[in-house]
Amino acid sequence: MLSVMMIHQMASYLCICQFIQCLLIGKKKNKTVI
């Protein structure tokens, strides 16, 4: 039970990190285009 919860937290954490990275990369691309 504990391990499953930890894996779920790690997955959600990685998803959030990827989402933030996508936003940062998108902003950088927009700046370079403009």
C-alpha atoms as a PDB file:
ATOM      1  CA  MET A   1       0.000   0.000   0.000  1.00  0.00           C
ATOM      2  CA  LEU A   2       2.749   2.441   0.971  1.00  0.00           C
ATOM      3  CA  SER A   3       4.862   1.656  -2.098  1.00  0.00           C
ATOM      4  CA  VAL A   4       1.848   2.175  -4.387  1.00  0.00           C
ATOM      5  CA  MET A   5       1.196   5.594  -2.820  1.00  0.00           C
ATOM      6  CA  MET A   6       4.858   6.566  -3.241  1.00  0.00           C
ATOM      7  CA  ILE A   7       4.841   5.493  -6.909  1.00  0.00           C
ATOM      8  CA  HIS A   8       1.635   7.501  -7.462  1.00  0.00           C
ATOM      9  CA  GLN A   9       3.226  10.596  -5.857  1.00  0.00           C
ATOM     10  CA  MET A  10       6.369  10.193  -7.980  1.00  0.00           C
ATOM     11  CA  ALA A  11       4.290   9.868 -11.165  1.00  0.00           C
ATOM     12  CA  SER A  12       2.254  12.999 -10.379  1.00  0.00           C
ATOM     13  CA  TYR A  13       5.462  14.874  -9.457  1.00  0.00           C
ATOM     14  CA  LEU A  14       7.100  13.904 -12.764  1.00  0.00           C
ATOM     15  CA  CYS A  15       3.947  14.931 -14.668  1.00  0.00           C
ATOM     16  CA  ILE A  16       4.021  18.373 -13.010  1.00  0.00           C
ATOM     17  CA  CYS A  17       7.759  18.735 -13.765  1.00  0.00           C
ATOM     18  CA  GLN A  18       7.186  17.855 -17.444  1.00  0.00           C
ATOM     19  CA  PHE A  19       4.265  20.319 -17.597  1.00  0.00           C
ATOM     20  CA  ILE A  20       6.441  23.135 -16.169  1.00  0.00           C
ATOM     21  CA  GLN A  21       9.289  22.266 -18.569  1.00  0.00           C
ATOM     22  CA  CYS A  22       6.848  22.375 -21.505  1.00  0.00           C
ATOM     23  CA  LEU A  23       5.653  25.837 -20.414  1.00  0.00           C
ATOM     24  CA  LEU A  24       9.235  27.118 -20.040  1.00  0.00           C
ATOM     25  CA  ILE A  25      10.288  25.694 -23.421  1.00  0.00           C
ATOM     26  CA  GLY A  26       7.151  27.146 -25.029  1.00  0.00           C
ATOM     27  CA  LYS A  27       7.921  30.595 -23.604  1.00  0.00           C
ATOM     28  CA  LYS A  28      11.530  30.394 -24.824  1.00  0.00           C
ATOM     29  CA  LYS A  29      10.378  29.358 -28.313  1.00  0.00           C
ATOM     30  CA  ASN A  30       7.860  32.211 -28.399  1.00  0.00           C
ATOM     31  CA  LYS A  31      10.568  34.694 -27.401  1.00  0.00           C
ATOM     32  CA  THR A  32      12.939  33.437 -30.098  1.00  0.00           C
ATOM     33  CA  VAL A  33      10.167  33.575 -32.729  1.00  0.00           C
ATOM     34  CA  ILE A  34       9.190  37.137 -31.717  1.00  0.00           C
END
